């Protein structure tokens, strides 16, 4: 059985969690600002290729060969490209 943390230790852990969450929010906000620039580029891949890439990156995350942050970034990019394909076909 592990030793219980001290009050200061608990406080440090909570502070670290808050800082990490804040950094993550700022990173996401920065990506949203950059979003229109990325979506302005033409879609290079087909829908099938994008779905295959999505499966590939999910497998990479499950195998722990890709960070969760990189996965989220690539997943969002694939989502934007799929939305662009959908808009183009409508």
C-alpha atoms as a PDB file:
ATOM      1  CA  UNK A   1       0.000   0.000   0.000  1.00  0.00           C
ATOM      2  CA  UNK A   2       1.369   3.423  -0.910  1.00  0.00           C
ATOM      3  CA  UNK A   3       2.007   6.211   1.554  1.00  0.00           C
ATOM      4  CA  UNK A   4      -0.554   8.992   1.603  1.00  0.00           C
ATOM      5  CA  UNK A   5       0.617  12.294   0.178  1.00  0.00           C
ATOM      6  CA  UNK A   6       1.207  15.300   2.341  1.00  0.00           C
ATOM      7  CA  UNK A   7      -1.024  18.318   2.006  1.00  0.00           C
ATOM      8  CA  UNK A   8       1.746  20.155   0.184  1.00  0.00           C
ATOM      9  CA  UNK A   9       2.189  17.196  -2.154  1.00  0.00           C
ATOM     10  CA  UNK A  10      -1.511  17.138  -2.959  1.00  0.00           C
ATOM     11  CA  UNK A  11      -1.435  20.869  -3.583  1.00  0.00           C
ATOM     12  CA  UNK A  12       1.519  20.479  -5.960  1.00  0.00           C
ATOM     13  CA  UNK A  13      -0.236  17.710  -7.887  1.00  0.00           C
ATOM     14  CA  UNK A  14      -3.387  19.800  -8.234  1.00  0.00           C
ATOM     15  CA  UNK A  15      -1.376  22.845  -9.341  1.00  0.00           C
ATOM     16  CA  UNK A  16       0.404  20.743 -11.962  1.00  0.00           C
ATOM     17  CA  UNK A  17      -2.955  19.485 -13.267  1.00  0.00           C
ATOM     18  CA  UNK A  18      -4.310  23.056 -13.494  1.00  0.00           C
ATOM     19  CA  UNK A  19      -1.195  24.262 -15.336  1.00  0.00           C
ATOM     20  CA  UNK A  20      -1.365  21.361 -17.777  1.00  0.00           C
ATOM     21  CA  UNK A  21      -5.068  21.987 -18.456  1.00  0.00           C
ATOM     22  CA  UNK A  22      -4.431  25.698 -19.012  1.00  0.00           C
ATOM     23  CA  UNK A  23      -1.585  24.973 -21.440  1.00  0.00           C
ATOM     24  CA  UNK A  24      -3.823  22.555 -23.314  1.00  0.00           C
ATOM     25  CA  UNK A  25      -6.602  25.163 -23.587  1.00  0.00           C
ATOM     26  CA  UNK A  26      -4.152  27.754 -24.896  1.00  0.00           C
ATOM     27  CA  UNK A  27      -2.803  25.318 -27.472  1.00  0.00           C
ATOM     28  CA  UNK A  28      -6.314  24.509 -28.681  1.00  0.00           C
ATOM     29  CA  UNK A  29      -7.175  28.212 -28.885  1.00  0.00           C
ATOM     30  CA  UNK A  30      -4.051  28.816 -30.967  1.00  0.00           C
ATOM     31  CA  UNK A  31      -5.044  26.000 -33.329  1.00  0.00           C
ATOM     32  CA  UNK A  32      -8.523  27.504 -33.736  1.00  0.00           C
ATOM     33  CA  UNK A  33      -6.942  30.806 -34.751  1.00  0.00           C
ATOM     34  CA  UNK A  34      -4.757  28.987 -37.281  1.00  0.00           C
ATOM     35  CA  UNK A  35      -7.705  26.862 -38.436  1.00  0.00           C
ATOM     36  CA  UNK A  36      -8.900  28.974 -41.405  1.00  0.00           C
ATOM     37  CA  UNK A  37      -5.393  29.026 -42.857  1.00  0.00           C
ATOM     38  CA  UNK A  38      -5.244  25.223 -42.817  1.00  0.00           C
ATOM     39  CA  UNK A  39      -8.728  24.740 -44.289  1.00  0.00           C
ATOM     40  CA  UNK A  40      -7.946  27.171 -47.119  1.00  0.00           C
ATOM     41  CA  UNK A  41      -5.545  24.635 -48.628  1.00  0.00           C
ATOM     42  CA  UNK A  42      -7.077  22.203 -51.107  1.00  0.00           C
ATOM     43  CA  UNK A  43      -7.842  18.679 -49.983  1.00  0.00           C
ATOM     44  CA  UNK A  44      -5.186  16.326 -51.296  1.00  0.00           C
ATOM     45  CA  UNK A  45      -6.547  12.955 -50.153  1.00  0.00           C
ATOM     46  CA  UNK A  46      -9.721  11.037 -50.879  1.00  0.00           C
ATOM     47  CA  UNK A  47     -12.256  10.169 -48.219  1.00  0.00           C
ATOM     48  CA  UNK A  48     -11.075   6.541 -48.138  1.00  0.00           C
ATOM     49  CA  UNK A  49      -7.443   7.620 -47.683  1.00  0.00           C
ATOM     50  CA  UNK A  50      -8.393   9.955 -44.844  1.00  0.00           C
ATOM     51  CA  UNK A  51     -10.377   7.244 -43.069  1.00  0.00           C
ATOM     52  CA  UNK A  52      -7.461   4.837 -43.464  1.00  0.00           C
ATOM     53  CA  UNK A  53      -5.133   7.449 -41.974  1.00  0.00           C
ATOM     54  CA  UNK A  54      -7.541   7.920 -39.064  1.00  0.00           C
ATOM     55  CA  UNK A  55      -7.439   4.186 -38.331  1.00  0.00           C
ATOM     56  CA  UNK A  56      -3.644   4.269 -38.595  1.00  0.00           C
ATOM     57  CA  UNK A  57      -3.235   7.073 -36.068  1.00  0.00           C
ATOM     58  CA  UNK A  58      -5.716   5.454 -33.667  1.00  0.00           C
ATOM     59  CA  UNK A  59      -3.643   2.286 -33.800  1.00  0.00           C
ATOM     60  CA  UNK A  60      -0.483   4.306 -33.183  1.00  0.00           C
ATOM     61  CA  UNK A  61      -1.978   5.911 -30.067  1.00  0.00           C
ATOM     62  CA  UNK A  62      -3.148   2.553 -28.735  1.00  0.00           C
ATOM     63  CA  UNK A  63       0.354   1.164 -29.300  1.00  0.00           C
ATOM     64  CA  UNK A  64       1.796   4.242 -27.536  1.00  0.00           C
ATOM     65  CA  UNK A  65       3.953   5.186 -30.527  1.00  0.00           C
ATOM     66  CA  UNK A  66       2.199   8.553 -30.894  1.00  0.00           C
ATOM     67  CA  UNK A  67       1.417  11.157 -28.251  1.00  0.00           C
ATOM     68  CA  UNK A  68      -2.196  11.974 -27.495  1.00  0.00           C
ATOM     69  CA  UNK A  69      -1.613  15.627 -28.407  1.00  0.00           C
ATOM     70  CA  UNK A  70      -0.232  14.716 -31.833  1.00  0.00           C
ATOM     71  CA  UNK A  71      -3.152  12.327 -32.326  1.00  0.00           C
ATOM     72  CA  UNK A  72      -5.683  15.066 -31.502  1.00  0.00           C
ATOM     73  CA  UNK A  73      -3.989  17.489 -33.886  1.00  0.00           C
ATOM     74  CA  UNK A  74      -3.915  15.006 -36.767  1.00  0.00           C
ATOM     75  CA  UNK A  75      -7.482  13.829 -36.026  1.00  0.00           C
ATOM     76  CA  UNK A  76      -8.727  17.430 -36.151  1.00  0.00           C
ATOM     77  CA  UNK A  77      -6.898  17.976 -39.440  1.00  0.00           C
ATOM     78  CA  UNK A  78      -8.471  14.844 -40.923  1.00  0.00           C
ATOM     79  CA  UNK A  79     -11.874  16.004 -39.685  1.00  0.00           C
ATOM     80  CA  UNK A  80     -11.434  19.370 -41.385  1.00  0.00           C
ATOM     81  CA  UNK A  81     -10.445  17.676 -44.640  1.00  0.00           C
ATOM     82  CA  UNK A  82     -13.449  15.316 -44.467  1.00  0.00           C
ATOM     83  CA  UNK A  83     -15.742  18.302 -43.841  1.00  0.00           C
ATOM     84  CA  UNK A  84     -14.196  20.053 -46.852  1.00  0.00           C
ATOM     85  CA  UNK A  85     -14.868  16.993 -49.022  1.00  0.00           C
ATOM     86  CA  UNK A  86     -18.453  16.891 -47.782  1.00  0.00           C
ATOM     87  CA  UNK A  87     -18.968  20.601 -48.559  1.00  0.00           C
ATOM     88  CA  UNK A  88     -17.472  20.146 -52.027  1.00  0.00           C
ATOM     89  CA  UNK A  89     -19.799  17.254 -52.835  1.00  0.00           C
ATOM     90  CA  UNK A  90     -22.942  19.096 -51.665  1.00  0.00           C
END
